[in-house]
Amino acid sequence: MGAHPGVGPRGRVAENEATDIGVAIVRASRYVPFRAVCLQQSFASLLMLRRRGLKASVHFGIRNGSTLAAHAWSSSGPIQVTGHALADDFVSIAVFTA
């Protein structure tokens, strides 16, 4: 995938493009023949952002409550792309950038 832990993302930030990618991924996830949840959506956004030369990061997080839960979300610089609605409930344990 070309993602590397601990390396700062390279590329430009374009809010309109990053937001459009997030909307497109959420819409498309309803129609694919498999369950495209946070992990699949985050990596799809990573590939789409990188292809356009935009900064791209995928975050992996966990929540330790009554049961252990995991979540993934993506961003382009400060712009939230996918999965951020639930991200505040999780502690980021790894970040991969491309």
Protein backbone atom coordinates (compact mmCIF):
# COMPACT_ATOMS: atom_id res chain seq x y z
CA MET A 1 0.00 0.00 0.00
CA GLY A 2 3.01 2.28 0.35
CA ALA A 3 2.07 3.26 3.92
CA HIS A 4 4.76 3.76 6.53
CA PRO A 5 4.42 4.07 10.31
CA GLY A 6 5.91 7.19 11.88
CA VAL A 7 6.70 9.04 8.65
CA GLY A 8 5.01 12.42 8.18
CA PRO A 9 2.61 12.56 5.25
CA ARG A 10 3.84 14.20 2.09
CA GLY A 11 1.79 16.03 -0.47
CA ARG A 12 -0.60 18.90 -0.62
CA VAL A 13 -3.83 19.52 1.24
CA ALA A 14 -6.97 20.29 -0.75
CA GLU A 15 -10.07 20.42 1.42
CA ASN A 16 -12.59 20.12 -1.43
CA GLU A 17 -10.90 17.09 -2.97
CA ALA A 18 -10.43 15.32 0.36
CA THR A 19 -14.04 15.95 1.38
CA ASP A 20 -15.31 14.72 -2.00
CA ILE A 21 -13.27 11.53 -1.61
CA GLY A 22 -14.78 10.89 1.82
CA VAL A 23 -18.32 11.38 0.50
CA ALA A 24 -17.65 9.12 -2.50
CA ILE A 25 -16.25 6.33 -0.32
CA VAL A 26 -19.18 6.38 2.09
CA ARG A 27 -21.65 6.30 -0.80
CA ALA A 28 -19.82 3.54 -2.65
CA SER A 29 -19.54 1.42 0.53
CA ARG A 30 -23.31 0.89 0.41
CA TYR A 31 -23.15 -0.80 -3.00
CA VAL A 32 -20.07 -3.03 -2.94
CA PRO A 33 -20.65 -6.81 -2.67
CA PHE A 34 -18.88 -7.00 0.71
CA ARG A 35 -19.05 -5.19 4.02
CA ALA A 36 -16.95 -2.06 3.58
CA VAL A 37 -16.55 -0.80 7.12
CA CYS A 38 -14.06 1.59 8.68
CA LEU A 39 -10.89 -0.36 7.78
CA GLN A 40 -11.77 -0.82 4.12
CA GLN A 41 -12.99 2.77 3.83
CA SER A 42 -9.80 4.14 5.43
CA PHE A 43 -7.50 2.27 3.07
CA ALA A 44 -9.63 3.19 0.05
CA SER A 45 -9.28 6.84 1.02
CA LEU A 46 -5.52 6.40 1.51
CA LEU A 47 -5.19 5.10 -2.05
CA MET A 48 -7.45 7.77 -3.54
CA LEU A 49 -5.75 10.63 -1.69
CA ARG A 50 -2.28 9.37 -2.58
CA ARG A 51 -3.22 9.01 -6.25
CA ARG A 52 -4.14 12.71 -6.30
CA GLY A 53 -0.93 13.76 -4.56
CA LEU A 54 -2.69 14.69 -1.32
CA LYS A 55 -1.49 14.06 2.21
CA ALA A 56 -2.97 10.84 3.53
CA SER A 57 -3.02 9.19 6.96
CA VAL A 58 -4.83 6.16 8.34
CA HIS A 59 -5.26 5.94 12.12
CA PHE A 60 -5.93 2.76 14.06
CA GLY A 61 -7.51 3.09 17.49
CA ILE A 62 -8.89 1.02 20.32
CA ARG A 63 -11.52 1.59 22.99
CA ASN A 64 -11.27 -0.27 26.26
CA GLY A 65 -14.71 -0.41 27.84
CA SER A 66 -16.76 -3.39 28.83
CA THR A 67 -15.51 -4.97 25.58
CA LEU A 68 -12.45 -4.17 23.52
CA ALA A 69 -13.29 -2.39 20.25
CA ALA A 70 -11.19 -1.21 17.32
CA HIS A 71 -11.74 1.51 14.71
CA ALA A 72 -9.91 3.03 11.74
CA TRP A 73 -10.24 6.52 10.31
CA SER A 74 -8.46 8.58 7.68
CA SER A 75 -7.44 12.18 7.19
CA SER A 76 -5.63 14.43 4.78
CA GLY A 77 -3.60 16.79 6.91
CA PRO A 78 -6.18 18.41 9.24
CA ILE A 79 -9.11 17.39 7.03
CA GLN A 80 -11.29 14.51 8.20
CA VAL A 81 -11.97 12.07 5.35
CA THR A 82 -13.55 8.85 6.72
CA GLY A 83 -14.48 7.42 10.11
CA HIS A 84 -14.17 10.57 12.19
CA ALA A 85 -17.72 10.42 13.58
CA LEU A 86 -16.59 7.65 15.96
CA ALA A 87 -12.90 8.52 16.27
CA ASP A 88 -13.27 10.62 19.43
CA ASP A 89 -14.25 7.49 21.36
CA PHE A 90 -10.99 5.71 20.44
CA VAL A 91 -7.35 6.12 21.39
CA SER A 92 -5.03 6.13 18.39
CA ILE A 93 -2.43 3.38 18.67
CA ALA A 94 -0.89 3.55 15.18
CA VAL A 95 -0.80 5.99 12.28
CA PHE A 96 0.21 5.06 8.75
CA THR A 97 0.94 7.70 6.14
CA ALA A 98 1.47 7.65 2.40
